[in-house]
Protein backbone atom coordinates (compact mmCIF):
# COMPACT_ATOMS: atom_id res chain seq x y z
CA UNK A 1 0.00 0.00 0.00
CA UNK A 2 1.35 3.41 -0.94
CA UNK A 3 0.85 6.73 0.86
CA UNK A 4 -1.98 7.53 -1.55
CA UNK A 5 -3.90 4.28 -0.99
CA UNK A 6 -3.97 0.77 -2.35
CA UNK A 7 -2.48 0.12 -5.74
CA UNK A 8 -5.02 -0.38 -8.50
CA UNK A 9 -5.57 -4.00 -9.48
CA UNK A 10 -4.06 -5.34 -12.68
CA UNK A 11 -6.64 -6.00 -15.40
CA UNK A 12 -6.55 -9.77 -14.89
CA UNK A 13 -6.86 -9.43 -11.11
CA UNK A 14 -9.77 -7.02 -11.54
CA UNK A 15 -11.52 -9.49 -13.88
CA UNK A 16 -10.97 -12.33 -11.39
CA UNK A 17 -12.39 -10.22 -8.57
CA UNK A 18 -15.44 -9.21 -10.60
CA UNK A 19 -16.05 -12.81 -11.68
CA UNK A 20 -15.76 -14.01 -8.08
CA UNK A 21 -18.34 -11.43 -6.98
CA UNK A 22 -20.70 -12.37 -9.79
CA UNK A 23 -20.48 -16.07 -8.95
CA UNK A 24 -20.75 -15.38 -5.20
CA UNK A 25 -23.97 -13.38 -5.62
CA UNK A 26 -25.51 -16.20 -7.61
CA UNK A 27 -24.26 -18.90 -5.21
CA UNK A 28 -25.28 -17.16 -1.99
CA UNK A 29 -28.67 -16.23 -3.50
CA UNK A 30 -29.47 -19.77 -4.65
CA UNK A 31 -27.51 -22.03 -2.29
CA UNK A 32 -27.39 -19.94 0.89
CA UNK A 33 -24.48 -19.17 3.17
CA UNK A 34 -23.21 -22.75 3.34
CA UNK A 35 -21.97 -22.92 -0.26
CA UNK A 36 -18.27 -23.72 -0.14
CA UNK A 37 -15.73 -21.12 -1.10
CA UNK A 38 -14.00 -23.83 -3.15
CA UNK A 39 -17.17 -24.19 -5.22
CA UNK A 40 -17.32 -20.44 -5.77
CA UNK A 41 -13.67 -20.27 -6.81
CA UNK A 42 -14.10 -23.21 -9.18
CA UNK A 43 -17.25 -21.73 -10.76
CA UNK A 44 -15.38 -18.45 -11.22
CA UNK A 45 -12.52 -20.27 -12.93
CA UNK A 46 -9.89 -19.35 -10.32
CA UNK A 47 -8.05 -21.13 -7.56
CA UNK A 48 -9.00 -20.86 -3.90
CA UNK A 49 -5.83 -18.85 -3.26
CA UNK A 50 -7.05 -16.18 -5.68
CA UNK A 51 -10.36 -16.02 -3.85
CA UNK A 52 -8.62 -15.58 -0.49
CA UNK A 53 -6.28 -12.90 -1.88
CA UNK A 54 -9.32 -10.81 -2.73
CA UNK A 55 -11.59 -11.88 0.15
CA UNK A 56 -9.79 -13.15 3.25
CA UNK A 57 -13.00 -14.45 4.89
CA UNK A 58 -16.39 -15.81 3.88
CA UNK A 59 -17.98 -12.77 5.51
CA UNK A 60 -15.80 -10.40 3.47
CA UNK A 61 -16.91 -12.12 0.26
CA UNK A 62 -20.60 -12.06 1.21
CA UNK A 63 -20.47 -8.40 2.21
CA UNK A 64 -18.60 -7.33 -0.90
CA UNK A 65 -20.90 -9.39 -3.15
CA UNK A 66 -23.90 -7.56 -1.70
CA UNK A 67 -22.23 -4.14 -1.93
CA UNK A 68 -21.24 -4.88 -5.52
CA UNK A 69 -24.92 -5.34 -6.37
CA UNK A 70 -25.78 -2.08 -4.59
CA UNK A 71 -23.02 -0.25 -6.47
CA UNK A 72 -24.16 -1.63 -9.84
CA UNK A 73 -27.67 -0.39 -9.16
CA UNK A 74 -26.67 3.08 -8.00
CA UNK A 75 -23.76 3.65 -10.38
CA UNK A 76 -25.93 3.09 -13.48
CA UNK A 77 -28.00 6.26 -12.89
CA UNK A 78 -25.75 8.62 -14.93
CA UNK A 79 -25.71 6.14 -17.84
CA UNK A 80 -29.50 5.83 -17.80
CA UNK A 81 -29.91 9.61 -17.76
CA UNK A 82 -27.40 9.99 -20.59
CA UNK A 83 -29.24 7.54 -22.84
CA UNK A 84 -32.94 8.19 -22.21
CA UNK A 85 -35.36 10.86 -21.03
CA UNK A 86 -35.44 11.20 -17.22
CA UNK A 87 -38.89 9.67 -16.75
CA UNK A 88 -37.92 6.63 -18.84
CA UNK A 89 -34.59 6.40 -17.01
CA UNK A 90 -36.45 6.41 -13.70
CA UNK A 91 -38.78 3.63 -14.86
CA UNK A 92 -35.84 1.56 -16.16
CA UNK A 93 -34.06 2.02 -12.82
CA UNK A 94 -37.16 0.78 -11.01
CA UNK A 95 -36.85 -2.57 -12.80
CA UNK A 96 -33.21 -2.77 -11.75
CA UNK A 97 -34.20 -1.93 -8.18
CA UNK A 98 -36.62 -4.88 -8.10
CA UNK A 99 -33.85 -7.17 -9.41
CA UNK A 100 -31.54 -5.85 -6.67
CA UNK A 101 -34.15 -6.42 -3.96
CA UNK A 102 -34.82 -9.95 -5.23
CA UNK A 103 -31.08 -10.70 -5.05
CA UNK A 104 -30.88 -9.14 -1.58
CA UNK A 105 -33.73 -11.37 -0.36
CA UNK A 106 -32.00 -14.38 -1.87
CA UNK A 107 -28.82 -13.48 -0.02
CA UNK A 108 -30.63 -12.84 3.29
CA UNK A 109 -29.27 -15.91 5.09
CA UNK A 110 -25.74 -15.20 3.93
CA UNK A 111 -26.04 -11.54 4.96
CA UNK A 112 -27.19 -12.62 8.43
CA UNK A 113 -23.85 -14.45 8.75
CA UNK A 114 -22.06 -11.14 8.12
CA UNK A 115 -24.22 -9.33 10.68
CA UNK A 116 -23.65 -12.09 13.27
CA UNK A 117 -19.90 -11.61 12.82
CA UNK A 118 -20.21 -7.89 13.59
CA UNK A 119 -20.36 -6.57 10.03
CA UNK A 120 -22.93 -4.16 8.64
CA UNK A 121 -23.46 -4.81 4.93
CA UNK A 122 -26.36 -2.34 4.86
CA UNK A 123 -24.36 0.58 6.24
CA UNK A 124 -24.36 2.52 2.95
CA UNK A 125 -27.51 1.11 1.34
CA UNK A 126 -30.13 3.64 2.35
CA UNK A 127 -27.98 6.65 1.55
CA UNK A 128 -26.89 5.30 -1.82
CA UNK A 129 -30.45 4.37 -2.84
CA UNK A 130 -31.88 7.73 -1.78
CA UNK A 131 -29.10 9.55 -3.63
CA UNK A 132 -29.81 7.55 -6.80
CA UNK A 133 -33.57 8.12 -6.79
CA UNK A 134 -33.11 11.78 -5.84
CA UNK A 135 -30.90 12.25 -8.90
CA UNK A 136 -33.46 10.57 -11.16
CA UNK A 137 -36.43 12.49 -9.73
CA UNK A 138 -34.50 15.76 -9.88
CA UNK A 139 -33.66 15.22 -13.54
CA UNK A 140 -37.29 14.41 -14.26
CA UNK A 141 -38.53 17.49 -12.42
CA UNK A 142 -36.01 19.69 -14.28
CA UNK A 143 -37.23 18.23 -17.58
CA UNK A 144 -40.86 18.76 -16.58
CA UNK A 145 -41.73 15.07 -16.87
CA UNK A 146 -41.76 14.10 -13.18
CA UNK A 147 -43.52 15.80 -10.30
CA UNK A 148 -41.29 17.93 -8.12
CA UNK A 149 -43.30 17.40 -4.92
CA UNK A 150 -42.35 13.75 -4.39
CA UNK A 151 -40.23 12.61 -1.47
CA UNK A 152 -37.45 10.28 -2.67
CA UNK A 153 -37.79 8.14 0.46
CA UNK A 154 -41.47 7.57 -0.35
CA UNK A 155 -40.52 6.31 -3.80
CA UNK A 156 -37.91 3.93 -2.37
CA UNK A 157 -40.41 2.57 0.18
CA UNK A 158 -43.03 2.15 -2.56
CA UNK A 159 -40.58 0.28 -4.78
CA UNK A 160 -39.61 -1.90 -1.82
CA UNK A 161 -43.26 -2.85 -1.45
CA UNK A 162 -43.54 -3.62 -5.14
CA UNK A 163 -40.42 -5.77 -4.95
CA UNK A 164 -42.23 -8.05 -2.51
CA UNK A 165 -44.62 -8.88 -5.34
CA UNK A 166 -41.70 -10.03 -7.46
CA UNK A 167 -40.57 -12.84 -5.21
CA UNK A 168 -41.36 -15.55 -7.72
CA UNK A 169 -40.71 -15.44 -11.49
CA UNK A 170 -44.42 -15.77 -12.25
CA UNK A 171 -45.04 -12.61 -10.21
CA UNK A 172 -42.70 -10.43 -12.27
CA UNK A 173 -45.50 -9.33 -14.58
CA UNK A 174 -47.48 -8.08 -11.62
CA UNK A 175 -44.43 -6.23 -10.30
CA UNK A 176 -43.97 -4.54 -13.70
CA UNK A 177 -47.61 -3.44 -13.70
CA UNK A 178 -47.24 -2.05 -10.18
CA UNK A 179 -44.10 -0.16 -11.18
CA UNK A 180 -45.97 1.26 -14.17
CA UNK A 181 -48.69 2.48 -11.78
CA UNK A 182 -46.09 4.03 -9.50
CA UNK A 183 -44.36 5.72 -12.42
CA UNK A 184 -47.70 7.00 -13.71
CA UNK A 185 -48.25 8.65 -10.33
CA UNK A 186 -44.82 10.28 -10.52
CA UNK A 187 -45.27 11.80 -13.96
CA UNK A 188 -45.96 15.50 -14.14
CA UNK A 189 -49.26 16.47 -15.68
CA UNK A 190 -50.16 20.07 -16.25
CA UNK A 191 -53.63 20.71 -14.97
CA UNK A 192 -56.00 22.54 -17.23
CA UNK A 193 -57.16 25.94 -16.05
CA UNK A 194 -60.81 26.00 -14.88
C-alpha atoms as a PDB file:
ATOM      1  CA  UNK A   1       0.000   0.000   0.000  1.00  0.00           C
ATOM      2  CA  UNK A   2       1.348   3.406  -0.937  1.00  0.00           C
ATOM      3  CA  UNK A   3       0.846   6.726   0.865  1.00  0.00           C
ATOM      4  CA  UNK A   4      -1.981   7.526  -1.552  1.00  0.00           C
ATOM      5  CA  UNK A   5      -3.900   4.283  -0.987  1.00  0.00           C
ATOM      6  CA  UNK A   6      -3.974   0.770  -2.350  1.00  0.00           C
ATOM      7  CA  UNK A   7      -2.477   0.124  -5.745  1.00  0.00           C
ATOM      8  CA  UNK A   8      -5.018  -0.383  -8.497  1.00  0.00           C
ATOM      9  CA  UNK A   9      -5.573  -4.002  -9.482  1.00  0.00           C
ATOM     10  CA  UNK A  10      -4.063  -5.338 -12.679  1.00  0.00           C
ATOM     11  CA  UNK A  11      -6.638  -5.997 -15.402  1.00  0.00           C
ATOM     12  CA  UNK A  12      -6.554  -9.774 -14.892  1.00  0.00           C
ATOM     13  CA  UNK A  13      -6.861  -9.434 -11.106  1.00  0.00           C
ATOM     14  CA  UNK A  14      -9.774  -7.018 -11.536  1.00  0.00           C
ATOM     15  CA  UNK A  15     -11.524  -9.487 -13.884  1.00  0.00           C
ATOM     16  CA  UNK A  16     -10.971 -12.329 -11.395  1.00  0.00           C
ATOM     17  CA  UNK A  17     -12.386 -10.225  -8.572  1.00  0.00           C
ATOM     18  CA  UNK A  18     -15.443  -9.210 -10.603  1.00  0.00           C
ATOM     19  CA  UNK A  19     -16.047 -12.813 -11.677  1.00  0.00           C
ATOM     20  CA  UNK A  20     -15.755 -14.014  -8.076  1.00  0.00           C
ATOM     21  CA  UNK A  21     -18.337 -11.433  -6.975  1.00  0.00           C
ATOM     22  CA  UNK A  22     -20.704 -12.375  -9.792  1.00  0.00           C
ATOM     23  CA  UNK A  23     -20.482 -16.070  -8.953  1.00  0.00           C
ATOM     24  CA  UNK A  24     -20.754 -15.378  -5.198  1.00  0.00           C
ATOM     25  CA  UNK A  25     -23.967 -13.382  -5.625  1.00  0.00           C
ATOM     26  CA  UNK A  26     -25.511 -16.204  -7.608  1.00  0.00           C
ATOM     27  CA  UNK A  27     -24.259 -18.903  -5.213  1.00  0.00           C
ATOM     28  CA  UNK A  28     -25.279 -17.160  -1.989  1.00  0.00           C
ATOM     29  CA  UNK A  29     -28.672 -16.231  -3.498  1.00  0.00           C
ATOM     30  CA  UNK A  30     -29.467 -19.773  -4.648  1.00  0.00           C
ATOM     31  CA  UNK A  31     -27.514 -22.034  -2.289  1.00  0.00           C
ATOM     32  CA  UNK A  32     -27.387 -19.943   0.889  1.00  0.00           C
ATOM     33  CA  UNK A  33     -24.476 -19.170   3.168  1.00  0.00           C
ATOM     34  CA  UNK A  34     -23.206 -22.753   3.338  1.00  0.00           C
ATOM     35  CA  UNK A  35     -21.970 -22.921  -0.263  1.00  0.00           C
ATOM     36  CA  UNK A  36     -18.273 -23.718  -0.145  1.00  0.00           C
ATOM     37  CA  UNK A  37     -15.729 -21.119  -1.105  1.00  0.00           C
ATOM     38  CA  UNK A  38     -13.997 -23.830  -3.149  1.00  0.00           C
ATOM     39  CA  UNK A  39     -17.173 -24.186  -5.223  1.00  0.00           C
ATOM     40  CA  UNK A  40     -17.322 -20.435  -5.766  1.00  0.00           C
ATOM     41  CA  UNK A  41     -13.671 -20.270  -6.812  1.00  0.00           C
ATOM     42  CA  UNK A  42     -14.102 -23.210  -9.179  1.00  0.00           C
ATOM     43  CA  UNK A  43     -17.245 -21.731 -10.759  1.00  0.00           C
ATOM     44  CA  UNK A  44     -15.376 -18.448 -11.219  1.00  0.00           C
ATOM     45  CA  UNK A  45     -12.517 -20.267 -12.925  1.00  0.00           C
ATOM     46  CA  UNK A  46      -9.890 -19.354 -10.320  1.00  0.00           C
ATOM     47  CA  UNK A  47      -8.047 -21.128  -7.561  1.00  0.00           C
ATOM     48  CA  UNK A  48      -8.997 -20.865  -3.904  1.00  0.00           C
ATOM     49  CA  UNK A  49      -5.827 -18.847  -3.256  1.00  0.00           C
ATOM     50  CA  UNK A  50      -7.048 -16.183  -5.676  1.00  0.00           C
ATOM     51  CA  UNK A  51     -10.363 -16.022  -3.849  1.00  0.00           C
ATOM     52  CA  UNK A  52      -8.616 -15.581  -0.493  1.00  0.00           C
ATOM     53  CA  UNK A  53      -6.281 -12.898  -1.877  1.00  0.00           C
ATOM     54  CA  UNK A  54      -9.323 -10.813  -2.727  1.00  0.00           C
ATOM     55  CA  UNK A  55     -11.590 -11.875   0.146  1.00  0.00           C
ATOM     56  CA  UNK A  56      -9.795 -13.151   3.247  1.00  0.00           C
ATOM     57  CA  UNK A  57     -12.998 -14.454   4.886  1.00  0.00           C
ATOM     58  CA  UNK A  58     -16.394 -15.813   3.877  1.00  0.00           C
ATOM     59  CA  UNK A  59     -17.978 -12.767   5.507  1.00  0.00           C
ATOM     60  CA  UNK A  60     -15.801 -10.404   3.466  1.00  0.00           C
ATOM     61  CA  UNK A  61     -16.905 -12.122   0.256  1.00  0.00           C
ATOM     62  CA  UNK A  62     -20.598 -12.056   1.209  1.00  0.00           C
ATOM     63  CA  UNK A  63     -20.469  -8.395   2.214  1.00  0.00           C
ATOM     64  CA  UNK A  64     -18.595  -7.330  -0.901  1.00  0.00           C
ATOM     65  CA  UNK A  65     -20.901  -9.386  -3.148  1.00  0.00           C
ATOM     66  CA  UNK A  66     -23.898  -7.556  -1.696  1.00  0.00           C
ATOM     67  CA  UNK A  67     -22.226  -4.142  -1.927  1.00  0.00           C
ATOM     68  CA  UNK A  68     -21.243  -4.882  -5.515  1.00  0.00           C
ATOM     69  CA  UNK A  69     -24.921  -5.339  -6.370  1.00  0.00           C
ATOM     70  CA  UNK A  70     -25.780  -2.075  -4.585  1.00  0.00           C
ATOM     71  CA  UNK A  71     -23.025  -0.255  -6.473  1.00  0.00           C
ATOM     72  CA  UNK A  72     -24.156  -1.632  -9.839  1.00  0.00           C
ATOM     73  CA  UNK A  73     -27.675  -0.389  -9.155  1.00  0.00           C
ATOM     74  CA  UNK A  74     -26.668   3.076  -8.004  1.00  0.00           C
ATOM     75  CA  UNK A  75     -23.765   3.653 -10.380  1.00  0.00           C
ATOM     76  CA  UNK A  76     -25.927   3.087 -13.482  1.00  0.00           C
ATOM     77  CA  UNK A  77     -27.996   6.256 -12.889  1.00  0.00           C
ATOM     78  CA  UNK A  78     -25.748   8.617 -14.932  1.00  0.00           C
ATOM     79  CA  UNK A  79     -25.707   6.139 -17.842  1.00  0.00           C
ATOM     80  CA  UNK A  80     -29.497   5.833 -17.804  1.00  0.00           C
ATOM     81  CA  UNK A  81     -29.907   9.607 -17.759  1.00  0.00           C
ATOM     82  CA  UNK A  82     -27.397   9.989 -20.589  1.00  0.00           C
ATOM     83  CA  UNK A  83     -29.239   7.541 -22.836  1.00  0.00           C
ATOM     84  CA  UNK A  84     -32.945   8.189 -22.213  1.00  0.00           C
ATOM     85  CA  UNK A  85     -35.361  10.860 -21.031  1.00  0.00           C
ATOM     86  CA  UNK A  86     -35.443  11.196 -17.224  1.00  0.00           C
ATOM     87  CA  UNK A  87     -38.890   9.665 -16.750  1.00  0.00           C
ATOM     88  CA  UNK A  88     -37.919   6.634 -18.845  1.00  0.00           C
ATOM     89  CA  UNK A  89     -34.589   6.403 -17.006  1.00  0.00           C
ATOM     90  CA  UNK A  90     -36.452   6.407 -13.697  1.00  0.00           C
ATOM     91  CA  UNK A  91     -38.777   3.634 -14.855  1.00  0.00           C
ATOM     92  CA  UNK A  92     -35.838   1.559 -16.161  1.00  0.00           C
ATOM     93  CA  UNK A  93     -34.061   2.025 -12.817  1.00  0.00           C
ATOM     94  CA  UNK A  94     -37.159   0.777 -11.012  1.00  0.00           C
ATOM     95  CA  UNK A  95     -36.852  -2.571 -12.798  1.00  0.00           C
ATOM     96  CA  UNK A  96     -33.211  -2.773 -11.752  1.00  0.00           C
ATOM     97  CA  UNK A  97     -34.203  -1.933  -8.183  1.00  0.00           C
ATOM     98  CA  UNK A  98     -36.620  -4.876  -8.096  1.00  0.00           C
ATOM     99  CA  UNK A  99     -33.855  -7.168  -9.408  1.00  0.00           C
ATOM    100  CA  UNK A 100     -31.540  -5.848  -6.673  1.00  0.00           C
ATOM    101  CA  UNK A 101     -34.149  -6.425  -3.960  1.00  0.00           C
ATOM    102  CA  UNK A 102     -34.822  -9.951  -5.230  1.00  0.00           C
ATOM    103  CA  UNK A 103     -31.085 -10.696  -5.053  1.00  0.00           C
ATOM    104  CA  UNK A 104     -30.881  -9.145  -1.579  1.00  0.00           C
ATOM    105  CA  UNK A 105     -33.730 -11.366  -0.359  1.00  0.00           C
ATOM    106  CA  UNK A 106     -31.995 -14.380  -1.873  1.00  0.00           C
ATOM    107  CA  UNK A 107     -28.816 -13.483  -0.016  1.00  0.00           C
ATOM    108  CA  UNK A 108     -30.627 -12.840   3.293  1.00  0.00           C
ATOM    109  CA  UNK A 109     -29.265 -15.911   5.093  1.00  0.00           C
ATOM    110  CA  UNK A 110     -25.739 -15.196   3.934  1.00  0.00           C
ATOM    111  CA  UNK A 111     -26.044 -11.539   4.958  1.00  0.00           C
ATOM    112  CA  UNK A 112     -27.190 -12.620   8.434  1.00  0.00           C
ATOM    113  CA  UNK A 113     -23.852 -14.447   8.747  1.00  0.00           C
ATOM    114  CA  UNK A 114     -22.060 -11.140   8.124  1.00  0.00           C
ATOM    115  CA  UNK A 115     -24.224  -9.333  10.682  1.00  0.00           C
ATOM    116  CA  UNK A 116     -23.654 -12.086  13.267  1.00  0.00           C
ATOM    117  CA  UNK A 117     -19.895 -11.607  12.821  1.00  0.00           C
ATOM    118  CA  UNK A 118     -20.214  -7.886  13.588  1.00  0.00           C
ATOM    119  CA  UNK A 119     -20.359  -6.565  10.025  1.00  0.00           C
ATOM    120  CA  UNK A 120     -22.933  -4.161   8.636  1.00  0.00           C
ATOM    121  CA  UNK A 121     -23.458  -4.815   4.935  1.00  0.00           C
ATOM    122  CA  UNK A 122     -26.361  -2.337   4.859  1.00  0.00           C
ATOM    123  CA  UNK A 123     -24.361   0.585   6.244  1.00  0.00           C
ATOM    124  CA  UNK A 124     -24.355   2.518   2.945  1.00  0.00           C
ATOM    125  CA  UNK A 125     -27.507   1.105   1.338  1.00  0.00           C
ATOM    126  CA  UNK A 126     -30.134   3.641   2.351  1.00  0.00           C
ATOM    127  CA  UNK A 127     -27.978   6.651   1.550  1.00  0.00           C
ATOM    128  CA  UNK A 128     -26.893   5.301  -1.821  1.00  0.00           C
ATOM    129  CA  UNK A 129     -30.447   4.371  -2.839  1.00  0.00           C
ATOM    130  CA  UNK A 130     -31.877   7.734  -1.784  1.00  0.00           C
ATOM    131  CA  UNK A 131     -29.101   9.547  -3.633  1.00  0.00           C
ATOM    132  CA  UNK A 132     -29.813   7.547  -6.802  1.00  0.00           C
ATOM    133  CA  UNK A 133     -33.574   8.117  -6.795  1.00  0.00           C
ATOM    134  CA  UNK A 134     -33.106  11.782  -5.835  1.00  0.00           C
ATOM    135  CA  UNK A 135     -30.901  12.253  -8.902  1.00  0.00           C
ATOM    136  CA  UNK A 136     -33.460  10.571 -11.158  1.00  0.00           C
ATOM    137  CA  UNK A 137     -36.427  12.493  -9.731  1.00  0.00           C
ATOM    138  CA  UNK A 138     -34.504  15.760  -9.881  1.00  0.00           C
ATOM    139  CA  UNK A 139     -33.658  15.221 -13.537  1.00  0.00           C
ATOM    140  CA  UNK A 140     -37.292  14.415 -14.262  1.00  0.00           C
ATOM    141  CA  UNK A 141     -38.532  17.490 -12.415  1.00  0.00           C
ATOM    142  CA  UNK A 142     -36.010  19.685 -14.279  1.00  0.00           C
ATOM    143  CA  UNK A 143     -37.230  18.231 -17.584  1.00  0.00           C
ATOM    144  CA  UNK A 144     -40.857  18.764 -16.576  1.00  0.00           C
ATOM    145  CA  UNK A 145     -41.727  15.070 -16.866  1.00  0.00           C
ATOM    146  CA  UNK A 146     -41.762  14.097 -13.176  1.00  0.00           C
ATOM    147  CA  UNK A 147     -43.522  15.802 -10.297  1.00  0.00           C
ATOM    148  CA  UNK A 148     -41.294  17.930  -8.118  1.00  0.00           C
ATOM    149  CA  UNK A 149     -43.304  17.400  -4.922  1.00  0.00           C
ATOM    150  CA  UNK A 150     -42.349  13.749  -4.391  1.00  0.00           C
ATOM    151  CA  UNK A 151     -40.226  12.614  -1.471  1.00  0.00           C
ATOM    152  CA  UNK A 152     -37.448  10.284  -2.665  1.00  0.00           C
ATOM    153  CA  UNK A 153     -37.793   8.137   0.465  1.00  0.00           C
ATOM    154  CA  UNK A 154     -41.474   7.571  -0.354  1.00  0.00           C
ATOM    155  CA  UNK A 155     -40.524   6.311  -3.801  1.00  0.00           C
ATOM    156  CA  UNK A 156     -37.912   3.929  -2.369  1.00  0.00           C
ATOM    157  CA  UNK A 157     -40.406   2.572   0.177  1.00  0.00           C
ATOM    158  CA  UNK A 158     -43.030   2.153  -2.559  1.00  0.00           C
ATOM    159  CA  UNK A 159     -40.582   0.276  -4.783  1.00  0.00           C
ATOM    160  CA  UNK A 160     -39.614  -1.897  -1.817  1.00  0.00           C
ATOM    161  CA  UNK A 161     -43.259  -2.853  -1.449  1.00  0.00           C
ATOM    162  CA  UNK A 162     -43.539  -3.618  -5.138  1.00  0.00           C
ATOM    163  CA  UNK A 163     -40.418  -5.767  -4.948  1.00  0.00           C
ATOM    164  CA  UNK A 164     -42.232  -8.049  -2.506  1.00  0.00           C
ATOM    165  CA  UNK A 165     -44.622  -8.882  -5.336  1.00  0.00           C
ATOM    166  CA  UNK A 166     -41.704 -10.029  -7.464  1.00  0.00           C
ATOM    167  CA  UNK A 167     -40.574 -12.838  -5.205  1.00  0.00           C
ATOM    168  CA  UNK A 168     -41.359 -15.548  -7.724  1.00  0.00           C
ATOM    169  CA  UNK A 169     -40.712 -15.442 -11.492  1.00  0.00           C
ATOM    170  CA  UNK A 170     -44.420 -15.770 -12.252  1.00  0.00           C
ATOM    171  CA  UNK A 171     -45.041 -12.606 -10.214  1.00  0.00           C
ATOM    172  CA  UNK A 172     -42.698 -10.433 -12.271  1.00  0.00           C
ATOM    173  CA  UNK A 173     -45.495  -9.329 -14.585  1.00  0.00           C
ATOM    174  CA  UNK A 174     -47.483  -8.077 -11.617  1.00  0.00           C
ATOM    175  CA  UNK A 175     -44.428  -6.228 -10.303  1.00  0.00           C
ATOM    176  CA  UNK A 176     -43.967  -4.544 -13.702  1.00  0.00           C
ATOM    177  CA  UNK A 177     -47.606  -3.443 -13.702  1.00  0.00           C
ATOM    178  CA  UNK A 178     -47.238  -2.054 -10.183  1.00  0.00           C
ATOM    179  CA  UNK A 179     -44.096  -0.157 -11.180  1.00  0.00           C
ATOM    180  CA  UNK A 180     -45.974   1.257 -14.175  1.00  0.00           C
ATOM    181  CA  UNK A 181     -48.688   2.484 -11.782  1.00  0.00           C
ATOM    182  CA  UNK A 182     -46.089   4.027  -9.497  1.00  0.00           C
ATOM    183  CA  UNK A 183     -44.361   5.716 -12.424  1.00  0.00           C
ATOM    184  CA  UNK A 184     -47.697   7.004 -13.713  1.00  0.00           C
ATOM    185  CA  UNK A 185     -48.253   8.652 -10.333  1.00  0.00           C
ATOM    186  CA  UNK A 186     -44.820  10.284 -10.516  1.00  0.00           C
ATOM    187  CA  UNK A 187     -45.273  11.801 -13.960  1.00  0.00           C
ATOM    188  CA  UNK A 188     -45.961  15.496 -14.136  1.00  0.00           C
ATOM    189  CA  UNK A 189     -49.259  16.474 -15.678  1.00  0.00           C
ATOM    190  CA  UNK A 190     -50.157  20.073 -16.247  1.00  0.00           C
ATOM    191  CA  UNK A 191     -53.628  20.706 -14.975  1.00  0.00           C
ATOM    192  CA  UNK A 192     -55.995  22.541 -17.231  1.00  0.00           C
ATOM    193  CA  UNK A 193     -57.157  25.945 -16.051  1.00  0.00           C
ATOM    194  CA  UNK A 194     -60.812  26.003 -14.883  1.00  0.00           C
END
